[in-house]
């Protein structure tokens, strides 16, 4: 990809904190009583509201309790993807979040087009940071728009009734879809795992056409354009790590 970086642009992000909860409670079997809320992470009360397998696109102002989140789910009747407004701060099993003070500050603008390799947009940025900073962890979060082209994404269907103990089993369980631009994505990634057993990148996206889920990569490499705005994290919080870990389903 061809990268052009622009800094010192006005945005709402400043003094960010890269907040992570464990990914690994989902596999090989998901404990359906394992819940957290964005309120409790940033301090408030907890209430149980749902127990579904979903892809969350969180967008919450904790102080004002203003919620503009969405989630994607698989329609059990026809297998289609549905995107629904979500008015709760609750999530279960896994989450990767960027928390900021919500005021203006400097950001990094990234514009790319025409993918020339086999890595996706986020992986290119993450590996570029890793090559430059070596084993020094650099956490990044922000939003990007697929302005042109098409992309592949997945949505988790209902929780598997059998253990998922390989990448092939996970791929067979997930539901994959394609979407066309525009597609807005919320992303976090880190250049190097400093021994916290992190998922090093995680991106969910949606659009107003009813598409939404976990972003994989664009499927029109010679006809794609991305524009993103990102901030560098000052801190990383690893919340509720599992007692046992694995490498399954981290792509």
Protein backbone atom coordinates (compact mmCIF):
# COMPACT_ATOMS: atom_id res chain seq x y z
CA UNK A 1 0.00 0.00 0.00
CA UNK A 2 1.06 3.58 -0.58
CA UNK A 3 1.01 5.52 2.69
CA UNK A 4 0.75 9.23 3.29
CA UNK A 5 0.90 10.40 6.91
CA UNK A 6 -0.37 13.77 8.09
CA UNK A 7 -0.19 14.93 11.72
CA UNK A 8 -1.37 17.92 13.75
CA UNK A 9 -4.91 17.70 12.41
CA UNK A 10 -7.92 18.76 14.43
CA UNK A 11 -9.97 15.94 15.92
CA UNK A 12 -11.77 14.94 19.09
CA UNK A 13 -9.03 12.62 20.34
CA UNK A 14 -6.37 13.50 22.89
CA UNK A 15 -4.63 11.82 25.84
CA UNK A 16 -5.96 8.40 24.86
CA UNK A 17 -5.80 5.19 26.82
CA UNK A 18 -5.67 1.85 25.07
CA UNK A 19 -8.03 -0.41 27.03
CA UNK A 20 -8.16 -4.15 26.43
CA UNK A 21 -10.20 -6.99 27.85
CA UNK A 22 -9.37 -10.62 27.18
CA UNK A 23 -10.19 -12.16 23.80
CA UNK A 24 -9.73 -15.69 24.87
CA UNK A 25 -12.90 -16.46 26.81
CA UNK A 26 -14.72 -17.18 23.53
CA UNK A 27 -12.73 -20.31 22.65
CA UNK A 28 -12.84 -23.24 22.79
CA UNK A 29 -16.25 -22.80 24.52
CA UNK A 30 -17.80 -19.52 25.62
CA UNK A 31 -18.87 -19.10 29.29
CA UNK A 32 -22.20 -17.31 28.87
CA UNK A 33 -22.09 -15.71 32.32
CA UNK A 34 -18.90 -13.71 31.72
CA UNK A 35 -19.87 -10.06 31.30
CA UNK A 36 -18.40 -6.59 31.77
CA UNK A 37 -19.62 -3.09 31.03
CA UNK A 38 -17.87 -0.03 29.67
CA UNK A 39 -19.30 1.73 32.70
CA UNK A 40 -17.49 -0.56 35.13
CA UNK A 41 -14.24 -0.23 33.18
CA UNK A 42 -14.59 3.56 33.37
CA UNK A 43 -16.57 3.22 36.68
CA UNK A 44 -20.35 2.88 37.20
CA UNK A 45 -22.96 0.11 37.64
CA UNK A 46 -23.48 -3.23 35.93
CA UNK A 47 -26.74 -4.67 34.58
CA UNK A 48 -27.26 -7.79 32.50
CA UNK A 49 -29.13 -7.08 29.27
CA UNK A 50 -28.36 -9.78 26.71
CA UNK A 51 -26.72 -13.11 26.04
CA UNK A 52 -26.18 -13.26 22.27
CA UNK A 53 -23.23 -13.83 19.99
CA UNK A 54 -22.62 -10.41 18.43
CA UNK A 55 -19.99 -8.16 16.86
CA UNK A 56 -19.98 -4.87 18.79
CA UNK A 57 -19.10 -1.44 17.38
CA UNK A 58 -18.93 0.61 20.62
CA UNK A 59 -19.33 4.38 20.62
CA UNK A 60 -20.08 5.66 24.12
CA UNK A 61 -19.68 8.94 26.02
CA UNK A 62 -19.44 7.61 29.58
CA UNK A 63 -19.89 10.96 31.33
CA UNK A 64 -23.02 11.93 29.42
CA UNK A 65 -24.21 8.31 29.07
CA UNK A 66 -24.68 8.99 25.36
CA UNK A 67 -24.61 5.74 23.42
CA UNK A 68 -24.28 5.50 19.65
CA UNK A 69 -23.12 1.88 19.57
CA UNK A 70 -24.20 -0.77 17.08
CA UNK A 71 -23.91 -4.51 16.90
CA UNK A 72 -24.01 -7.00 14.06
CA UNK A 73 -25.71 -10.36 14.33
CA UNK A 74 -26.59 -13.29 12.11
CA UNK A 75 -30.29 -13.60 11.33
CA UNK A 76 -31.05 -17.20 12.37
CA UNK A 77 -33.85 -17.51 9.79
CA UNK A 78 -31.97 -16.72 6.59
CA UNK A 79 -28.30 -16.31 7.60
CA UNK A 80 -28.17 -12.66 6.59
CA UNK A 81 -26.29 -9.99 8.53
CA UNK A 82 -28.23 -7.45 10.59
CA UNK A 83 -26.88 -4.25 12.17
CA UNK A 84 -28.83 -2.89 15.15
CA UNK A 85 -28.43 0.10 17.45
CA UNK A 86 -27.26 -1.00 20.91
CA UNK A 87 -28.25 1.18 23.88
CA UNK A 88 -26.30 -0.70 26.57
CA UNK A 89 -22.69 -0.45 27.71
CA UNK A 90 -22.51 -4.17 28.40
CA UNK A 91 -20.31 -6.64 26.55
CA UNK A 92 -19.24 -10.19 27.19
CA UNK A 93 -16.23 -12.43 26.71
CA UNK A 94 -13.93 -10.08 24.80
CA UNK A 95 -13.35 -6.47 23.88
CA UNK A 96 -10.64 -4.15 22.60
CA UNK A 97 -11.36 -0.48 23.23
CA UNK A 98 -9.85 2.97 22.84
CA UNK A 99 -10.76 5.35 25.69
CA UNK A 100 -10.08 9.07 25.37
CA UNK A 101 -10.98 12.30 27.13
CA UNK A 102 -13.05 13.25 24.10
CA UNK A 103 -11.50 16.65 23.44
CA UNK A 104 -9.63 18.11 20.46
CA UNK A 105 -5.99 17.31 19.88
CA UNK A 106 -3.43 15.99 17.43
CA UNK A 107 -4.09 12.87 15.40
CA UNK A 108 -2.36 10.86 12.70
CA UNK A 109 -4.12 10.80 9.35
CA UNK A 110 -3.42 7.83 7.09
CA UNK A 111 -4.54 7.68 3.46
CA UNK A 112 -3.83 4.56 1.40
CA UNK A 113 -4.91 3.08 -1.90
CA UNK A 114 -4.05 0.16 -4.20
CA UNK A 115 -2.97 -2.76 -2.01
CA UNK A 116 0.14 -4.42 -3.44
CA UNK A 117 0.73 -7.18 -0.85
CA UNK A 118 -1.28 -9.80 1.00
CA UNK A 119 -1.56 -7.93 4.35
CA UNK A 120 -4.62 -5.89 5.25
CA UNK A 121 -4.65 -2.16 6.08
CA UNK A 122 -4.34 -2.58 9.86
CA UNK A 123 -1.65 -5.26 9.67
CA UNK A 124 0.44 -3.04 7.39
CA UNK A 125 0.38 -0.24 9.96
CA UNK A 126 0.99 -2.57 12.90
CA UNK A 127 3.92 -4.35 11.29
CA UNK A 128 5.39 -1.05 10.12
CA UNK A 129 5.39 0.20 13.71
CA UNK A 130 6.89 -3.08 14.88
CA UNK A 131 9.71 -2.85 12.35
CA UNK A 132 10.53 0.69 13.46
CA UNK A 133 10.14 0.35 17.26
CA UNK A 134 11.26 -3.27 17.55
CA UNK A 135 10.14 -4.67 20.93
CA UNK A 136 8.88 -1.35 22.30
CA UNK A 137 5.07 -1.57 22.40
CA UNK A 138 3.16 1.21 20.62
CA UNK A 139 -0.63 1.09 20.97
CA UNK A 140 -2.84 2.80 18.39
CA UNK A 141 -6.59 3.34 18.16
CA UNK A 142 -8.97 5.21 15.90
CA UNK A 143 -11.41 5.07 13.06
CA UNK A 144 -11.00 4.54 9.32
CA UNK A 145 -13.29 4.62 6.32
CA UNK A 146 -13.15 2.31 3.35
CA UNK A 147 -14.06 4.96 0.78
CA UNK A 148 -13.74 2.81 -2.31
CA UNK A 149 -13.80 -0.90 -3.01
CA UNK A 150 -15.18 -3.96 -1.25
CA UNK A 151 -14.16 -5.83 1.90
CA UNK A 152 -14.61 -9.18 3.62
CA UNK A 153 -15.89 -9.39 7.19
CA UNK A 154 -17.36 -11.98 9.54
CA UNK A 155 -20.10 -12.17 12.14
CA UNK A 156 -20.23 -14.79 14.88
CA UNK A 157 -23.41 -16.88 14.73
CA UNK A 158 -24.94 -18.46 17.82
CA UNK A 159 -22.33 -19.86 20.20
CA UNK A 160 -20.97 -23.21 19.09
CA UNK A 161 -22.33 -26.21 20.94
CA UNK A 162 -19.06 -28.07 20.45
CA UNK A 163 -15.55 -26.89 21.40
CA UNK A 164 -13.71 -24.96 18.68
CA UNK A 165 -10.16 -26.24 18.97
CA UNK A 166 -8.54 -25.20 15.67
CA UNK A 167 -8.47 -22.28 13.25
CA UNK A 168 -10.29 -24.46 10.71
CA UNK A 169 -13.08 -25.15 13.21
CA UNK A 170 -13.41 -21.43 13.94
CA UNK A 171 -13.56 -20.57 10.22
CA UNK A 172 -16.24 -23.21 9.74
CA UNK A 173 -18.32 -21.71 12.54
CA UNK A 174 -18.06 -18.04 11.51
CA UNK A 175 -20.32 -16.48 8.90
CA UNK A 176 -18.43 -14.53 6.22
CA UNK A 177 -19.81 -11.70 4.11
CA UNK A 178 -18.68 -9.06 1.61
CA UNK A 179 -19.56 -5.38 1.72
CA UNK A 180 -18.97 -2.42 -0.56
CA UNK A 181 -17.84 1.08 0.33
CA UNK A 182 -18.53 3.12 2.33
CA UNK A 183 -17.66 1.02 5.40
CA UNK A 184 -16.64 2.67 8.70
CA UNK A 185 -14.25 0.75 10.96
CA UNK A 186 -13.22 1.12 14.61
CA UNK A 187 -9.75 -0.27 15.19
CA UNK A 188 -7.13 -0.87 17.87
CA UNK A 189 -3.69 -2.39 17.33
CA UNK A 190 -0.34 -2.65 19.07
CA UNK A 191 3.09 -3.03 17.53
CA UNK A 192 4.38 -5.55 20.06
CA UNK A 193 2.81 -7.62 22.82
CA UNK A 194 4.76 -6.76 26.00
CA UNK A 195 4.00 -10.13 27.59
CA UNK A 196 0.32 -9.42 28.34
CA UNK A 197 -1.07 -12.06 25.95
CA UNK A 198 -2.85 -9.43 23.85
CA UNK A 199 -4.78 -9.67 20.64
CA UNK A 200 -2.46 -7.40 18.68
CA UNK A 201 -5.14 -5.95 16.40
CA UNK A 202 -8.93 -5.93 16.31
CA UNK A 203 -11.26 -4.06 13.94
CA UNK A 204 -15.04 -3.96 13.63
CA UNK A 205 -16.97 -1.96 11.05
CA UNK A 206 -20.45 -1.16 9.74
CA UNK A 207 -22.36 0.90 7.21
CA UNK A 208 -25.90 2.19 6.78
CA UNK A 209 -26.75 -0.56 4.29
CA UNK A 210 -26.99 -3.14 7.07
CA UNK A 211 -23.48 -4.59 6.79
CA UNK A 212 -21.30 -4.94 9.86
CA UNK A 213 -18.86 -7.19 11.68
CA UNK A 214 -15.19 -8.06 12.11
CA UNK A 215 -13.06 -6.63 9.29
CA UNK A 216 -10.66 -9.02 7.54
CA UNK A 217 -9.34 -7.32 4.38
CA UNK A 218 -10.41 -5.66 1.17
CA UNK A 219 -11.21 -7.93 -1.79
CA UNK A 220 -10.58 -5.31 -4.49
CA UNK A 221 -6.87 -4.57 -3.96
CA UNK A 222 -6.36 -2.55 -7.14
CA UNK A 223 -9.50 -0.52 -6.57
CA UNK A 224 -9.61 0.39 -2.87
CA UNK A 225 -9.09 3.52 -0.78
CA UNK A 226 -8.80 3.95 2.99
CA UNK A 227 -8.74 7.13 5.07
CA UNK A 228 -8.14 6.85 8.82
CA UNK A 229 -7.57 9.01 11.87
CA UNK A 230 -5.60 7.52 14.76
CA UNK A 231 -4.07 8.40 18.11
CA UNK A 232 -1.20 6.90 20.10
CA UNK A 233 -2.07 5.37 23.44
CA UNK A 234 -0.39 6.57 26.62
CA UNK A 235 -1.34 3.52 28.69
CA UNK A 236 -2.46 -0.07 28.15
CA UNK A 237 -4.81 -1.81 30.58
CA UNK A 238 -5.17 -5.60 30.43
CA UNK A 239 -8.45 -6.45 32.13
CA UNK A 240 -9.56 -9.87 33.36
CA UNK A 241 -7.00 -12.11 31.62
CA UNK A 242 -7.87 -15.82 31.32
CA UNK A 243 -6.02 -18.40 33.37
CA UNK A 244 -5.39 -20.47 30.22
CA UNK A 245 -4.62 -19.04 26.79
CA UNK A 246 -4.22 -20.24 23.19
CA UNK A 247 -3.46 -18.99 19.68
CA UNK A 248 -6.68 -20.13 17.99
CA UNK A 249 -8.73 -17.66 15.97
CA UNK A 250 -6.45 -14.65 16.30
CA UNK A 251 -6.40 -13.74 12.59
